[in-house]
Amino acid sequence: MEDILSYDLPKERAKIYDKWVDIALYCKSQRDYNDTLAIYAGLNNFIINGLKLTQKELKRQTQFNYKQISDFCSFDGNYKTIRIDMKNAEKTGLFYIPYFGILSRDLNFFEESEGYIKENGCINFSKIEKVNSAIETFFKNQNVDIDINVVEELNFFDNLLDIKEEDLEQLANKLEPEFI
């Protein structure tokens, strides 16, 4: 967020917003679900969404691409779209970087559900298999070599401000007085 708020003019902020949308789309195309969601969370922040002058400067294509990312990152159905995409990548043997929020969410659900020992005293193998499967899914891509090609120099980070999170809203109000 700081990089978007680092520019005084709405048109400049819109260019940086556009770059982040492009990066999120690239991450999605590379099946990097964790970074796709991280970027989406930053762009979906109420401070960034409240920059109405900046939003007006966004190209139609950027708005369309953002909607595509938003639909993909939707919480609906417990991240159903991402889960389906991850499952398809897994079935076809494609490398992917899972969204770690899903692992955390699943493990919390498993922990809160039935115990490891059933009421009849038997071990709950079903629960153990589910926990194992969730952890295994996230660790199997850890030892994969990745060939990363530099597409473009990311020099738009040169203008970053060192701002505390609590001061971001104040900065947004200064940049765009009509903020939210």
C-alpha atoms as a PDB file:
ATOM      1  CA  MET A   1       0.000   0.000   0.000  1.00  0.00           C
ATOM      2  CA  GLU A   2       2.815   2.389   0.826  1.00  0.00           C
ATOM      3  CA  ASP A   3       4.006   2.373  -2.764  1.00  0.00           C
ATOM      4  CA  ILE A   4       0.586   3.430  -4.073  1.00  0.00           C
ATOM      5  CA  LEU A   5       0.364   6.149  -1.430  1.00  0.00           C
ATOM      6  CA  SER A   6       3.921   7.301  -2.198  1.00  0.00           C
ATOM      7  CA  TYR A   7       2.745   9.348  -5.177  1.00  0.00           C
ATOM      8  CA  ASP A   8       0.981  12.696  -5.015  1.00  0.00           C
ATOM      9  CA  LEU A   9      -1.028  12.523  -8.242  1.00  0.00           C
ATOM     10  CA  PRO A  10      -3.953  10.111  -8.721  1.00  0.00           C
ATOM     11  CA  LYS A  11      -2.701   9.207 -12.224  1.00  0.00           C
ATOM     12  CA  GLU A  12       0.689   8.139 -10.776  1.00  0.00           C
ATOM     13  CA  ARG A  13      -1.028   6.131  -8.031  1.00  0.00           C
ATOM     14  CA  ALA A  14      -3.216   4.463 -10.680  1.00  0.00           C
ATOM     15  CA  LYS A  15      -0.075   3.387 -12.602  1.00  0.00           C
ATOM     16  CA  ILE A  16       1.308   1.685  -9.492  1.00  0.00           C
ATOM     17  CA  TYR A  17      -2.086   0.097  -8.782  1.00  0.00           C
ATOM     18  CA  ASP A  18      -2.062  -1.174 -12.369  1.00  0.00           C
ATOM     19  CA  LYS A  19       1.411  -2.690 -11.853  1.00  0.00           C
ATOM     20  CA  TRP A  20       0.207  -4.542  -8.755  1.00  0.00           C
ATOM     21  CA  VAL A  21      -2.818  -5.896 -10.602  1.00  0.00           C
ATOM     22  CA  ASP A  22      -0.493  -7.113 -13.374  1.00  0.00           C
ATOM     23  CA  ILE A  23       1.811  -8.738 -10.814  1.00  0.00           C
ATOM     24  CA  ALA A  24      -1.163 -10.453  -9.150  1.00  0.00           C
ATOM     25  CA  LEU A  25      -2.330 -11.781 -12.536  1.00  0.00           C
ATOM     26  CA  TYR A  26       1.175 -13.036 -13.253  1.00  0.00           C
ATOM     27  CA  CYS A  27       1.334 -14.763  -9.850  1.00  0.00           C
ATOM     28  CA  LYS A  28      -2.034 -16.359 -10.575  1.00  0.00           C
ATOM     29  CA  SER A  29      -0.834 -17.554 -13.993  1.00  0.00           C
ATOM     30  CA  GLN A  30       2.220 -19.103 -12.309  1.00  0.00           C
ATOM     31  CA  ARG A  31      -0.044 -20.797  -9.739  1.00  0.00           C
ATOM     32  CA  ASP A  32       1.451 -18.734  -6.899  1.00  0.00           C
ATOM     33  CA  TYR A  33      -1.732 -18.601  -4.860  1.00  0.00           C
ATOM     34  CA  ASN A  34      -0.125 -17.257  -1.697  1.00  0.00           C
ATOM     35  CA  ASP A  35       1.267 -14.109  -3.333  1.00  0.00           C
ATOM     36  CA  THR A  36      -1.847 -13.623  -5.457  1.00  0.00           C
ATOM     37  CA  LEU A  37      -3.931 -13.436  -2.291  1.00  0.00           C
ATOM     38  CA  ALA A  38      -1.392 -11.239  -0.504  1.00  0.00           C
ATOM     39  CA  ILE A  39      -1.454  -8.704  -3.339  1.00  0.00           C
ATOM     40  CA  TYR A  40      -5.245  -8.880  -3.533  1.00  0.00           C
ATOM     41  CA  ALA A  41      -5.483  -8.212   0.210  1.00  0.00           C
ATOM     42  CA  GLY A  42      -3.326  -5.104  -0.182  1.00  0.00           C
ATOM     43  CA  LEU A  43      -5.349  -3.806  -3.122  1.00  0.00           C
ATOM     44  CA  ASN A  44      -8.633  -4.649  -1.420  1.00  0.00           C
ATOM     45  CA  ASN A  45      -7.698  -2.671   1.692  1.00  0.00           C
ATOM     46  CA  PHE A  46     -10.256  -0.012   2.630  1.00  0.00           C
ATOM     47  CA  ILE A  47      -7.607   2.723   2.402  1.00  0.00           C
ATOM     48  CA  ILE A  48      -6.740   1.866  -1.205  1.00  0.00           C
ATOM     49  CA  ASN A  49     -10.405   1.350  -2.122  1.00  0.00           C
ATOM     50  CA  GLY A  50     -11.202   4.727  -0.560  1.00  0.00           C
ATOM     51  CA  LEU A  51      -8.927   6.610  -2.968  1.00  0.00           C
ATOM     52  CA  LYS A  52     -11.787   7.602  -5.279  1.00  0.00           C
ATOM     53  CA  LEU A  53      -9.709   9.933  -7.493  1.00  0.00           C
ATOM     54  CA  THR A  54      -7.176   7.161  -7.999  1.00  0.00           C
ATOM     55  CA  GLN A  55      -9.944   4.634  -8.735  1.00  0.00           C
ATOM     56  CA  LYS A  56     -11.339   6.985 -11.413  1.00  0.00           C
ATOM     57  CA  GLU A  57      -7.932   7.026 -13.144  1.00  0.00           C
ATOM     58  CA  LEU A  58      -7.772   3.230 -13.497  1.00  0.00           C
ATOM     59  CA  LYS A  59      -7.963   1.849 -17.032  1.00  0.00           C
ATOM     60  CA  ARG A  60     -10.919  -0.358 -17.925  1.00  0.00           C
ATOM     61  CA  GLN A  61      -8.534  -3.266 -18.458  1.00  0.00           C
ATOM     62  CA  THR A  62      -7.104  -2.784 -14.954  1.00  0.00           C
ATOM     63  CA  GLN A  63     -10.620  -2.759 -13.502  1.00  0.00           C
ATOM     64  CA  PHE A  64     -11.491  -5.900 -15.469  1.00  0.00           C
ATOM     65  CA  ASN A  65      -8.286  -7.648 -14.336  1.00  0.00           C
ATOM     66  CA  TYR A  66      -8.888  -6.619 -10.720  1.00  0.00           C
ATOM     67  CA  LYS A  67     -12.411  -8.081 -10.901  1.00  0.00           C
ATOM     68  CA  GLN A  68     -10.929 -11.307 -12.268  1.00  0.00           C
ATOM     69  CA  ILE A  69      -8.483 -11.478  -9.338  1.00  0.00           C
ATOM     70  CA  SER A  70     -11.236 -10.556  -6.892  1.00  0.00           C
ATOM     71  CA  ASP A  71     -13.457 -13.376  -8.159  1.00  0.00           C
ATOM     72  CA  PHE A  72     -10.552 -15.827  -7.997  1.00  0.00           C
ATOM     73  CA  CYS A  73      -9.606 -14.800  -4.436  1.00  0.00           C
ATOM     74  CA  SER A  74     -13.178 -14.872  -3.179  1.00  0.00           C
ATOM     75  CA  PHE A  75     -13.821 -16.348   0.269  1.00  0.00           C
ATOM     76  CA  ASP A  76     -17.055 -17.843  -1.084  1.00  0.00           C
ATOM     77  CA  GLY A  77     -17.309 -21.561  -0.495  1.00  0.00           C
ATOM     78  CA  ASN A  78     -14.216 -21.567   1.710  1.00  0.00           C
ATOM     79  CA  TYR A  79     -11.935 -20.400  -1.151  1.00  0.00           C
ATOM     80  CA  LYS A  80     -13.652 -22.819  -3.526  1.00  0.00           C
ATOM     81  CA  THR A  81     -12.123 -21.353  -6.704  1.00  0.00           C
ATOM     82  CA  ILE A  82      -8.572 -21.511  -5.370  1.00  0.00           C
ATOM     83  CA  ARG A  83      -9.093 -24.998  -3.948  1.00  0.00           C
ATOM     84  CA  ILE A  84     -10.319 -26.245  -7.338  1.00  0.00           C
ATOM     85  CA  ASP A  85      -7.360 -24.632  -9.110  1.00  0.00           C
ATOM     86  CA  MET A  86      -4.902 -26.130  -6.605  1.00  0.00           C
ATOM     87  CA  LYS A  87      -6.502 -29.558  -6.968  1.00  0.00           C
ATOM     88  CA  ASN A  88      -6.290 -29.352 -10.766  1.00  0.00           C
ATOM     89  CA  ALA A  89      -2.622 -28.343 -10.585  1.00  0.00           C
ATOM     90  CA  GLU A  90      -1.960 -31.221  -8.209  1.00  0.00           C
ATOM     91  CA  LYS A  91      -3.749 -33.756 -10.441  1.00  0.00           C
ATOM     92  CA  THR A  92      -1.763 -32.692 -13.494  1.00  0.00           C
ATOM     93  CA  GLY A  93       1.528 -32.602 -11.590  1.00  0.00           C
ATOM     94  CA  LEU A  94       2.047 -28.872 -12.063  1.00  0.00           C
ATOM     95  CA  PHE A  95       4.072 -26.919  -9.538  1.00  0.00           C
ATOM     96  CA  TYR A  96       2.124 -24.440  -7.432  1.00  0.00           C
ATOM     97  CA  ILE A  97       2.616 -22.342  -4.327  1.00  0.00           C
ATOM     98  CA  PRO A  98      -0.410 -22.930  -2.104  1.00  0.00           C
ATOM     99  CA  TYR A  99      -2.229 -20.250  -0.138  1.00  0.00           C
ATOM    100  CA  PHE A 100      -1.067 -20.802   3.413  1.00  0.00           C
ATOM    101  CA  GLY A 101      -4.265 -19.304   4.827  1.00  0.00           C
ATOM    102  CA  ILE A 102      -6.102 -22.391   3.593  1.00  0.00           C
ATOM    103  CA  LEU A 103      -3.671 -24.677   5.455  1.00  0.00           C
ATOM    104  CA  SER A 104      -4.139 -22.683   8.634  1.00  0.00           C
ATOM    105  CA  ARG A 105      -7.908 -22.618   8.219  1.00  0.00           C
ATOM    106  CA  ASP A 106      -8.096 -26.358   7.525  1.00  0.00           C
ATOM    107  CA  LEU A 107      -5.834 -27.284  10.419  1.00  0.00           C
ATOM    108  CA  ASN A 108      -7.879 -25.106  12.793  1.00  0.00           C
ATOM    109  CA  PHE A 109     -11.063 -26.762  11.558  1.00  0.00           C
ATOM    110  CA  PHE A 110      -9.596 -30.240  12.042  1.00  0.00           C
ATOM    111  CA  GLU A 111      -8.368 -29.329  15.526  1.00  0.00           C
ATOM    112  CA  GLU A 112     -11.776 -27.948  16.564  1.00  0.00           C
ATOM    113  CA  SER A 113     -13.682 -30.929  15.174  1.00  0.00           C
ATOM    114  CA  GLU A 114     -13.675 -34.420  16.640  1.00  0.00           C
ATOM    115  CA  GLY A 115     -10.834 -35.548  18.860  1.00  0.00           C
ATOM    116  CA  TYR A 116      -8.007 -37.871  17.930  1.00  0.00           C
ATOM    117  CA  ILE A 117      -9.614 -40.541  20.103  1.00  0.00           C
ATOM    118  CA  LYS A 118     -13.238 -41.410  19.445  1.00  0.00           C
ATOM    119  CA  GLU A 119     -15.787 -41.866  22.217  1.00  0.00           C
ATOM    120  CA  ASN A 120     -15.500 -45.626  21.842  1.00  0.00           C
ATOM    121  CA  GLY A 121     -11.738 -45.404  22.565  1.00  0.00           C
ATOM    122  CA  CYS A 122     -10.621 -46.046  18.981  1.00  0.00           C
ATOM    123  CA  ILE A 123      -8.113 -43.816  17.213  1.00  0.00           C
ATOM    124  CA  ASN A 124      -9.723 -41.376  14.789  1.00  0.00           C
ATOM    125  CA  PHE A 125      -7.671 -42.296  11.704  1.00  0.00           C
ATOM    126  CA  SER A 126      -9.921 -40.206   9.484  1.00  0.00           C
ATOM    127  CA  LYS A 127      -8.906 -37.033  11.308  1.00  0.00           C
ATOM    128  CA  ILE A 128      -5.228 -38.003  11.267  1.00  0.00           C
ATOM    129  CA  GLU A 129      -5.419 -38.633   7.498  1.00  0.00           C
ATOM    130  CA  LYS A 130      -7.046 -35.233   6.904  1.00  0.00           C
ATOM    131  CA  VAL A 131      -4.390 -33.416   8.967  1.00  0.00           C
ATOM    132  CA  ASN A 132      -1.635 -35.354   7.196  1.00  0.00           C
ATOM    133  CA  SER A 133      -3.116 -34.624   3.768  1.00  0.00           C
ATOM    134  CA  ALA A 134      -3.367 -30.886   4.482  1.00  0.00           C
ATOM    135  CA  ILE A 135       0.222 -30.667   5.699  1.00  0.00           C
ATOM    136  CA  GLU A 136       1.523 -32.892   2.905  1.00  0.00           C
ATOM    137  CA  THR A 137      -0.120 -30.697   0.259  1.00  0.00           C
ATOM    138  CA  PHE A 138       1.764 -27.665   1.481  1.00  0.00           C
ATOM    139  CA  PHE A 139       5.158 -29.281   1.944  1.00  0.00           C
ATOM    140  CA  LYS A 140       5.475 -31.274  -1.255  1.00  0.00           C
ATOM    141  CA  ASN A 141       6.347 -28.168  -3.292  1.00  0.00           C
ATOM    142  CA  GLN A 142       9.099 -27.076  -0.914  1.00  0.00           C
ATOM    143  CA  ASN A 143      11.974 -28.833  -2.719  1.00  0.00           C
ATOM    144  CA  VAL A 144      11.162 -27.843  -6.282  1.00  0.00           C
ATOM    145  CA  ASP A 145      13.683 -25.862  -8.316  1.00  0.00           C
ATOM    146  CA  ILE A 146      12.103 -22.806  -9.880  1.00  0.00           C
ATOM    147  CA  ASP A 147      13.518 -21.051 -12.912  1.00  0.00           C
ATOM    148  CA  ILE A 148      12.636 -17.396 -12.448  1.00  0.00           C
ATOM    149  CA  ASN A 149      12.984 -15.073 -15.413  1.00  0.00           C
ATOM    150  CA  VAL A 150      13.187 -11.346 -14.792  1.00  0.00           C
ATOM    151  CA  VAL A 151      10.521  -9.775 -16.969  1.00  0.00           C
ATOM    152  CA  GLU A 152      10.909  -6.129 -16.088  1.00  0.00           C
ATOM    153  CA  GLU A 153      12.915  -4.102 -13.639  1.00  0.00           C
ATOM    154  CA  LEU A 154      10.675  -3.263 -10.707  1.00  0.00           C
ATOM    155  CA  ASN A 155      11.993   0.230 -10.151  1.00  0.00           C
ATOM    156  CA  PHE A 156       8.654   1.578  -8.981  1.00  0.00           C
ATOM    157  CA  PHE A 157       9.695   0.494  -5.484  1.00  0.00           C
ATOM    158  CA  ASP A 158      12.319   3.271  -5.422  1.00  0.00           C
ATOM    159  CA  ASN A 159       9.770   5.812  -4.210  1.00  0.00           C
ATOM    160  CA  LEU A 160       8.574   3.899  -1.131  1.00  0.00           C
ATOM    161  CA  LEU A 161       7.778   5.747   2.051  1.00  0.00           C
ATOM    162  CA  ASP A 162       8.569   4.406   5.494  1.00  0.00           C
ATOM    163  CA  ILE A 163       5.109   4.741   7.051  1.00  0.00           C
ATOM    164  CA  LYS A 164       3.516   3.059  10.015  1.00  0.00           C
ATOM    165  CA  GLU A 165       0.295   1.279   9.203  1.00  0.00           C
ATOM    166  CA  GLU A 166      -1.754   3.522  11.489  1.00  0.00           C
ATOM    167  CA  ASP A 167      -0.562   6.602   9.548  1.00  0.00           C
ATOM    168  CA  LEU A 168      -1.686   5.292   6.146  1.00  0.00           C
ATOM    169  CA  GLU A 169      -5.278   6.476   6.539  1.00  0.00           C
ATOM    170  CA  GLN A 170      -4.051   9.934   7.486  1.00  0.00           C
ATOM    171  CA  LEU A 171      -1.843  10.025   4.379  1.00  0.00           C
ATOM    172  CA  ALA A 172      -4.762   8.903   2.196  1.00  0.00           C
ATOM    173  CA  ASN A 173      -6.886  11.745   3.611  1.00  0.00           C
ATOM    174  CA  LYS A 174      -4.093  14.198   2.802  1.00  0.00           C
ATOM    175  CA  LEU A 175      -3.698  12.894  -0.768  1.00  0.00           C
ATOM    176  CA  GLU A 176      -7.410  12.724  -1.499  1.00  0.00           C
ATOM    177  CA  PRO A 177      -9.512  14.910   0.797  1.00  0.00           C
ATOM    178  CA  GLU A 178     -12.680  13.124  -0.375  1.00  0.00           C
ATOM    179  CA  PHE A 179     -11.224   9.864   0.970  1.00  0.00           C
ATOM    180  CA  ILE A 180     -14.130   7.571   1.811  1.00  0.00           C
END
